[in-house]
Amino acid sequence: MSHVLSEETHRNMLARIPHCTGREISDWLRTVDEGPALFRFEEKVSWLRAEHNLAYGHAKAIIHEYDLRRAARKLL
């Protein structure tokens, strides 16, 4: 399954996550960073869903954002 979201869809999903989950994106990114060292995208999404009872779309957007930011750090 592809995890590619359009930029607009991704930003819209991120904007809704704090309202839906009660936690800011930065909190979720820290949670992923401190979580288990999983390699595959879908493994990370599944862990986040199971551990924190998130909807699939929210978990997917959080992991996608986490991966984008991690890749950006490597470029610096």
PDB file of N, CA and C in Angstrom:
ATOM      1  N   MET A   1       0.850  -1.186   0.000  1.00  0.00           N
ATOM      2  CA  MET A   1       0.000   0.000   0.000  1.00  0.00           C
ATOM      3  C   MET A   1       0.888   1.240   0.000  1.00  0.00           C
ATOM      4  N   SER A   2       0.574   2.162  -0.818  1.00  0.00           N
ATOM      5  CA  SER A   2       1.339   3.396  -0.906  1.00  0.00           C
ATOM      6  C   SER A   2       0.995   4.319   0.256  1.00  0.00           C
ATOM      7  N   HIS A   3       1.997   5.046   0.734  1.00  0.00           N
ATOM      8  CA  HIS A   3       1.756   6.002   1.804  1.00  0.00           C
ATOM      9  C   HIS A   3       1.889   7.429   1.312  1.00  0.00           C
ATOM     10  N   VAL A   4       1.844   7.628   0.009  1.00  0.00           N
ATOM     11  CA  VAL A   4       1.991   8.946  -0.575  1.00  0.00           C
ATOM     12  C   VAL A   4       0.674   9.718  -0.457  1.00  0.00           C
ATOM     13  N   LEU A   5       0.758  10.887   0.132  1.00  0.00           N
ATOM     14  CA  LEU A   5      -0.388  11.791   0.239  1.00  0.00           C
ATOM     15  C   LEU A   5      -0.069  13.048  -0.555  1.00  0.00           C
ATOM     16  N   SER A   6      -1.094  13.686  -1.102  1.00  0.00           N
ATOM     17  CA  SER A   6      -0.824  14.973  -1.723  1.00  0.00           C
ATOM     18  C   SER A   6      -0.415  15.930  -0.606  1.00  0.00           C
ATOM     19  N   GLU A   7       0.349  16.928  -0.940  1.00  0.00           N
ATOM     20  CA  GLU A   7       0.803  17.896   0.054  1.00  0.00           C
ATOM     21  C   GLU A   7      -0.382  18.553   0.760  1.00  0.00           C
ATOM     22  N   GLU A   8      -1.399  18.893  -0.005  1.00  0.00           N
ATOM     23  CA  GLU A   8      -2.576  19.544   0.575  1.00  0.00           C
ATOM     24  C   GLU A   8      -3.309  18.600   1.542  1.00  0.00           C
ATOM     25  N   THR A   9      -3.506  17.364   1.132  1.00  0.00           N
ATOM     26  CA  THR A   9      -4.168  16.387   1.996  1.00  0.00           C
ATOM     27  C   THR A   9      -3.381  16.175   3.275  1.00  0.00           C
ATOM     28  N   HIS A  10      -2.080  16.067   3.142  1.00  0.00           N
ATOM     29  CA  HIS A  10      -1.216  15.863   4.306  1.00  0.00           C
ATOM     30  C   HIS A  10      -1.323  17.043   5.275  1.00  0.00           C
ATOM     31  N   ARG A  11      -1.232  18.260   4.757  1.00  0.00           N
ATOM     32  CA  ARG A  11      -1.319  19.451   5.619  1.00  0.00           C
ATOM     33  C   ARG A  11      -2.690  19.553   6.289  1.00  0.00           C
ATOM     34  N   ASN A  12      -3.748  19.249   5.561  1.00  0.00           N
ATOM     35  CA  ASN A  12      -5.099  19.275   6.144  1.00  0.00           C
ATOM     36  C   ASN A  12      -5.237  18.250   7.263  1.00  0.00           C
ATOM     37  N   MET A  13      -4.700  17.061   7.034  1.00  0.00           N
ATOM     38  CA  MET A  13      -4.762  16.018   8.053  1.00  0.00           C
ATOM     39  C   MET A  13      -3.977  16.447   9.292  1.00  0.00           C
ATOM     40  N   LEU A  14      -2.779  16.983   9.102  1.00  0.00           N
ATOM     41  CA  LEU A  14      -1.978  17.444  10.240  1.00  0.00           C
ATOM     42  C   LEU A  14      -2.698  18.530  11.028  1.00  0.00           C
ATOM     43  N   ALA A  15      -3.374  19.402  10.332  1.00  0.00           N
ATOM     44  CA  ALA A  15      -4.089  20.497  11.002  1.00  0.00           C
ATOM     45  C   ALA A  15      -5.219  19.973  11.889  1.00  0.00           C
ATOM     46  N   ARG A  16      -5.808  18.844  11.519  1.00  0.00           N
ATOM     47  CA  ARG A  16      -6.928  18.288  12.296  1.00  0.00           C
ATOM     48  C   ARG A  16      -6.480  17.408  13.465  1.00  0.00           C
ATOM     49  N   ILE A  17      -5.279  16.903  13.421  1.00  0.00           N
ATOM     50  CA  ILE A  17      -4.831  15.950  14.438  1.00  0.00           C
ATOM     51  C   ILE A  17      -4.900  16.512  15.860  1.00  0.00           C
ATOM     52  N   PRO A  18      -4.420  17.725  16.137  1.00  0.00           N
ATOM     53  CA  PRO A  18      -4.517  18.218  17.521  1.00  0.00           C
ATOM     54  C   PRO A  18      -5.958  18.257  18.049  1.00  0.00           C
ATOM     55  N   HIS A  19      -6.876  18.667  17.219  1.00  0.00           N
ATOM     56  CA  HIS A  19      -8.285  18.717  17.637  1.00  0.00           C
ATOM     57  C   HIS A  19      -8.839  17.312  17.892  1.00  0.00           C
ATOM     58  N   CYS A  20      -8.497  16.380  17.025  1.00  0.00           N
ATOM     59  CA  CYS A  20      -9.036  15.022  17.129  1.00  0.00           C
ATOM     60  C   CYS A  20      -8.378  14.186  18.223  1.00  0.00           C
ATOM     61  N   THR A  21      -7.116  14.447  18.500  1.00  0.00           N
ATOM     62  CA  THR A  21      -6.383  13.604  19.452  1.00  0.00           C
ATOM     63  C   THR A  21      -6.103  14.283  20.781  1.00  0.00           C
ATOM     64  N   GLY A  22      -6.193  15.616  20.808  1.00  0.00           N
ATOM     65  CA  GLY A  22      -5.878  16.340  22.036  1.00  0.00           C
ATOM     66  C   GLY A  22      -4.393  16.541  22.250  1.00  0.00           C
ATOM     67  N   ARG A  23      -3.589  16.189  21.264  1.00  0.00           N
ATOM     68  CA  ARG A  23      -2.131  16.334  21.366  1.00  0.00           C
ATOM     69  C   ARG A  23      -1.599  17.041  20.124  1.00  0.00           C
ATOM     70  N   GLU A  24      -0.579  17.867  20.322  1.00  0.00           N
ATOM     71  CA  GLU A  24       0.047  18.588  19.218  1.00  0.00           C
ATOM     72  C   GLU A  24       0.902  17.638  18.377  1.00  0.00           C
ATOM     73  N   ILE A  25       1.155  18.040  17.144  1.00  0.00           N
ATOM     74  CA  ILE A  25       1.988  17.240  16.241  1.00  0.00           C
ATOM     75  C   ILE A  25       3.365  17.011  16.853  1.00  0.00           C
ATOM     76  N   SER A  26       3.939  18.038  17.462  1.00  0.00           N
ATOM     77  CA  SER A  26       5.271  17.890  18.067  1.00  0.00           C
ATOM     78  C   SER A  26       5.276  16.793  19.127  1.00  0.00           C
ATOM     79  N   ASP A  27       4.196  16.663  19.886  1.00  0.00           N
ATOM     80  CA  ASP A  27       4.089  15.593  20.879  1.00  0.00           C
ATOM     81  C   ASP A  27       4.066  14.224  20.206  1.00  0.00           C
ATOM     82  N   TRP A  28       3.304  14.127  19.125  1.00  0.00           N
ATOM     83  CA  TRP A  28       3.232  12.854  18.406  1.00  0.00           C
ATOM     84  C   TRP A  28       4.572  12.496  17.786  1.00  0.00           C
ATOM     85  N   LEU A  29       5.276  13.471  17.237  1.00  0.00           N
ATOM     86  CA  LEU A  29       6.579  13.200  16.624  1.00  0.00           C
ATOM     87  C   LEU A  29       7.571  12.726  17.682  1.00  0.00           C
ATOM     88  N   ARG A  30       7.517  13.301  18.853  1.00  0.00           N
ATOM     89  CA  ARG A  30       8.377  12.874  19.955  1.00  0.00           C
ATOM     90  C   ARG A  30       8.017  11.441  20.375  1.00  0.00           C
ATOM     91  N   THR A  31       6.726  11.131  20.400  1.00  0.00           N
ATOM     92  CA  THR A  31       6.272   9.784  20.742  1.00  0.00           C
ATOM     93  C   THR A  31       6.844   8.763  19.758  1.00  0.00           C
ATOM     94  N   VAL A  32       6.791   9.083  18.473  1.00  0.00           N
ATOM     95  CA  VAL A  32       7.338   8.176  17.455  1.00  0.00           C
ATOM     96  C   VAL A  32       8.843   8.047  17.641  1.00  0.00           C
ATOM     97  N   ASP A  33       9.514   9.157  17.879  1.00  0.00           N
ATOM     98  CA  ASP A  33      10.968   9.144  18.053  1.00  0.00           C
ATOM     99  C   ASP A  33      11.380   8.289  19.249  1.00  0.00           C
ATOM    100  N   GLU A  34      10.591   8.319  20.298  1.00  0.00           N
ATOM    101  CA  GLU A  34      10.898   7.568  21.517  1.00  0.00           C
ATOM    102  C   GLU A  34      10.345   6.140  21.485  1.00  0.00           C
ATOM    103  N   GLY A  35       9.584   5.824  20.453  1.00  0.00           N
ATOM    104  CA  GLY A  35       8.984   4.499  20.334  1.00  0.00           C
ATOM    105  C   GLY A  35       9.979   3.467  19.836  1.00  0.00           C
ATOM    106  N   PRO A  36       9.471   2.285  19.535  1.00  0.00           N
ATOM    107  CA  PRO A  36      10.359   1.206  19.074  1.00  0.00           C
ATOM    108  C   PRO A  36      10.998   1.536  17.729  1.00  0.00           C
ATOM    109  N   ALA A  37      12.160   0.980  17.500  1.00  0.00           N
ATOM    110  CA  ALA A  37      12.918   1.220  16.266  1.00  0.00           C
ATOM    111  C   ALA A  37      12.380   0.321  15.151  1.00  0.00           C
ATOM    112  N   LEU A  38      11.266   0.733  14.576  1.00  0.00           N
ATOM    113  CA  LEU A  38      10.665  -0.005  13.473  1.00  0.00           C
ATOM    114  C   LEU A  38      11.164   0.563  12.159  1.00  0.00           C
ATOM    115  N   PHE A  39      11.316  -0.291  11.172  1.00  0.00           N
ATOM    116  CA  PHE A  39      11.895   0.142   9.904  1.00  0.00           C
ATOM    117  C   PHE A  39      10.842   0.528   8.870  1.00  0.00           C
ATOM    118  N   ARG A  40       9.846  -0.292   8.677  1.00  0.00           N
ATOM    119  CA  ARG A  40       8.881  -0.081   7.601  1.00  0.00           C
ATOM    120  C   ARG A  40       7.782   0.894   8.005  1.00  0.00           C
ATOM    121  N   PHE A  41       7.327   1.668   7.031  1.00  0.00           N
ATOM    122  CA  PHE A  41       6.289   2.674   7.233  1.00  0.00           C
ATOM    123  C   PHE A  41       5.047   2.069   7.871  1.00  0.00           C
ATOM    124  N   GLU A  42       4.536   0.992   7.293  1.00  0.00           N
ATOM    125  CA  GLU A  42       3.299   0.389   7.786  1.00  0.00           C
ATOM    126  C   GLU A  42       3.470  -0.197   9.188  1.00  0.00           C
ATOM    127  N   GLU A  43       4.667  -0.656   9.526  1.00  0.00           N
ATOM    128  CA  GLU A  43       4.921  -1.133  10.891  1.00  0.00           C
ATOM    129  C   GLU A  43       4.789   0.012  11.891  1.00  0.00           C
ATOM    130  N   LYS A  44       5.334   1.156  11.523  1.00  0.00           N
ATOM    131  CA  LYS A  44       5.243   2.339  12.395  1.00  0.00           C
ATOM    132  C   LYS A  44       3.786   2.773  12.553  1.00  0.00           C
ATOM    133  N   VAL A  45       3.050   2.781  11.458  1.00  0.00           N
ATOM    134  CA  VAL A  45       1.638   3.163  11.497  1.00  0.00           C
ATOM    135  C   VAL A  45       0.858   2.186  12.382  1.00  0.00           C
ATOM    136  N   SER A  46       1.087   0.906  12.195  1.00  0.00           N
ATOM    137  CA  SER A  46       0.387  -0.105  12.995  1.00  0.00           C
ATOM    138  C   SER A  46       0.711   0.035  14.477  1.00  0.00           C
ATOM    139  N   TRP A  47       1.977   0.266  14.797  1.00  0.00           N
ATOM    140  CA  TRP A  47       2.359   0.454  16.197  1.00  0.00           C
ATOM    141  C   TRP A  47       1.653   1.669  16.792  1.00  0.00           C
ATOM    142  N   LEU A  48       1.666   2.776  16.081  1.00  0.00           N
ATOM    143  CA  LEU A  48       1.043   4.001  16.583  1.00  0.00           C
ATOM    144  C   LEU A  48      -0.455   3.800  16.788  1.00  0.00           C
ATOM    145  N   ARG A  49      -1.109   3.128  15.864  1.00  0.00           N
ATOM    146  CA  ARG A  49      -2.543   2.851  15.988  1.00  0.00           C
ATOM    147  C   ARG A  49      -2.828   1.968  17.201  1.00  0.00           C
ATOM    148  N   ALA A  50      -2.063   0.896  17.348  1.00  0.00           N
ATOM    149  CA  ALA A  50      -2.303  -0.058  18.437  1.00  0.00           C
ATOM    150  C   ALA A  50      -1.956   0.542  19.798  1.00  0.00           C
ATOM    151  N   GLU A  51      -0.845   1.232  19.864  1.00  0.00           N
ATOM    152  CA  GLU A  51      -0.359   1.765  21.138  1.00  0.00           C
ATOM    153  C   GLU A  51      -1.177   2.964  21.617  1.00  0.00           C
ATOM    154  N   HIS A  52      -1.667   3.777  20.668  1.00  0.00           N
ATOM    155  CA  HIS A  52      -2.324   5.030  21.044  1.00  0.00           C
ATOM    156  C   HIS A  52      -3.757   5.153  20.531  1.00  0.00           C
ATOM    157  N   ASN A  53      -4.280   4.062  19.978  1.00  0.00           N
ATOM    158  CA  ASN A  53      -5.675   4.015  19.539  1.00  0.00           C
ATOM    159  C   ASN A  53      -6.026   5.138  18.556  1.00  0.00           C
ATOM    160  N   LEU A  54      -5.142   5.355  17.600  1.00  0.00           N
ATOM    161  CA  LEU A  54      -5.370   6.394  16.595  1.00  0.00           C
ATOM    162  C   LEU A  54      -6.069   5.826  15.370  1.00  0.00           C
ATOM    163  N   ALA A  55      -6.789   6.683  14.681  1.00  0.00           N
ATOM    164  CA  ALA A  55      -7.363   6.320  13.383  1.00  0.00           C
ATOM    165  C   ALA A  55      -6.222   6.108  12.387  1.00  0.00           C
ATOM    166  N   TYR A  56      -6.461   5.267  11.406  1.00  0.00           N
ATOM    167  CA  TYR A  56      -5.432   4.958  10.412  1.00  0.00           C
ATOM    168  C   TYR A  56      -4.896   6.220   9.733  1.00  0.00           C
ATOM    169  N   GLY A  57      -5.785   7.099   9.294  1.00  0.00           N
ATOM    170  CA  GLY A  57      -5.355   8.317   8.591  1.00  0.00           C
ATOM    171  C   GLY A  57      -4.496   9.213   9.453  1.00  0.00           C
ATOM    172  N   HIS A  58      -4.830   9.336  10.730  1.00  0.00           N
ATOM    173  CA  HIS A  58      -4.030  10.166  11.629  1.00  0.00           C
ATOM    174  C   HIS A  58      -2.652   9.555  11.838  1.00  0.00           C
ATOM    175  N   ALA A  59      -2.614   8.253  12.089  1.00  0.00           N
ATOM    176  CA  ALA A  59      -1.332   7.580  12.292  1.00  0.00           C
ATOM    177  C   ALA A  59      -0.465   7.687  11.043  1.00  0.00           C
ATOM    178  N   LYS A  60      -1.075   7.517   9.902  1.00  0.00           N
ATOM    179  CA  LYS A  60      -0.353   7.599   8.629  1.00  0.00           C
ATOM    180  C   LYS A  60       0.234   8.999   8.419  1.00  0.00           C
ATOM    181  N   ALA A  61      -0.550  10.023   8.708  1.00  0.00           N
ATOM    182  CA  ALA A  61      -0.072  11.404   8.543  1.00  0.00           C
ATOM    183  C   ALA A  61       1.061  11.710   9.519  1.00  0.00           C
ATOM    184  N   ILE A  62       0.964  11.217  10.744  1.00  0.00           N
ATOM    185  CA  ILE A  62       2.020  11.465  11.732  1.00  0.00           C
ATOM    186  C   ILE A  62       3.324  10.797  11.296  1.00  0.00           C
ATOM    187  N   ILE A  63       3.240   9.556  10.866  1.00  0.00           N
ATOM    188  CA  ILE A  63       4.448   8.849  10.432  1.00  0.00           C
ATOM    189  C   ILE A  63       5.016   9.478   9.166  1.00  0.00           C
ATOM    190  N   HIS A  64       4.165   9.890   8.266  1.00  0.00           N
ATOM    191  CA  HIS A  64       4.629  10.562   7.047  1.00  0.00           C
ATOM    192  C   HIS A  64       5.375  11.846   7.415  1.00  0.00           C
ATOM    193  N   GLU A  65       4.822  12.635   8.316  1.00  0.00           N
ATOM    194  CA  GLU A  65       5.476  13.874   8.748  1.00  0.00           C
ATOM    195  C   GLU A  65       6.791  13.564   9.465  1.00  0.00           C
ATOM    196  N   TYR A  66       6.789  12.543  10.288  1.00  0.00           N
ATOM    197  CA  TYR A  66       8.010  12.138  10.989  1.00  0.00           C
ATOM    198  C   TYR A  66       9.107  11.794   9.982  1.00  0.00           C
ATOM    199  N   ASP A  67       8.763  11.003   8.974  1.00  0.00           N
ATOM    200  CA  ASP A  67       9.737  10.615   7.954  1.00  0.00           C
ATOM    201  C   ASP A  67      10.218  11.815   7.140  1.00  0.00           C
ATOM    202  N   LEU A  68       9.317  12.734   6.816  1.00  0.00           N
ATOM    203  CA  LEU A  68       9.720  13.937   6.084  1.00  0.00           C
ATOM    204  C   LEU A  68      10.716  14.768   6.886  1.00  0.00           C
ATOM    205  N   ARG A  69      10.431  14.961   8.160  1.00  0.00           N
ATOM    206  CA  ARG A  69      11.320  15.765   9.008  1.00  0.00           C
ATOM    207  C   ARG A  69      12.652  15.066   9.244  1.00  0.00           C
ATOM    208  N   ARG A  70      12.621  13.751   9.404  1.00  0.00           N
ATOM    209  CA  ARG A  70      13.866  13.006   9.589  1.00  0.00           C
ATOM    210  C   ARG A  70      14.741  13.115   8.340  1.00  0.00           C
ATOM    211  N   ALA A  71      14.128  13.012   7.177  1.00  0.00           N
ATOM    212  CA  ALA A  71      14.879  13.137   5.914  1.00  0.00           C
ATOM    213  C   ALA A  71      15.458  14.541   5.775  1.00  0.00           C
ATOM    214  N   ALA A  72      14.704  15.550   6.178  1.00  0.00           N
ATOM    215  CA  ALA A  72      15.181  16.941   6.093  1.00  0.00           C
ATOM    216  C   ALA A  72      16.385  17.156   7.004  1.00  0.00           C
ATOM    217  N   ARG A  73      16.381  16.534   8.182  1.00  0.00           N
ATOM    218  CA  ARG A  73      17.524  16.656   9.101  1.00  0.00           C
ATOM    219  C   ARG A  73      18.776  16.050   8.505  1.00  0.00           C
ATOM    220  N   LYS A  74      18.619  14.960   7.769  1.00  0.00           N
ATOM    221  CA  LYS A  74      19.771  14.302   7.153  1.00  0.00           C
ATOM    222  C   LYS A  74      20.397  15.157   6.058  1.00  0.00           C
ATOM    223  N   LEU A  75      19.597  16.005   5.443  1.00  0.00           N
ATOM    224  CA  LEU A  75      20.097  16.862   4.372  1.00  0.00           C
ATOM    225  C   LEU A  75      20.903  18.042   4.903  1.00  0.00           C
ATOM    226  N   LEU A  76      20.698  18.397   6.134  1.00  0.00           N
ATOM    227  CA  LEU A  76      21.386  19.559   6.708  1.00  0.00           C
ATOM    228  C   LEU A  76      22.781  19.269   7.124  1.00  0.00           C
TER     229      LEU A  76
END
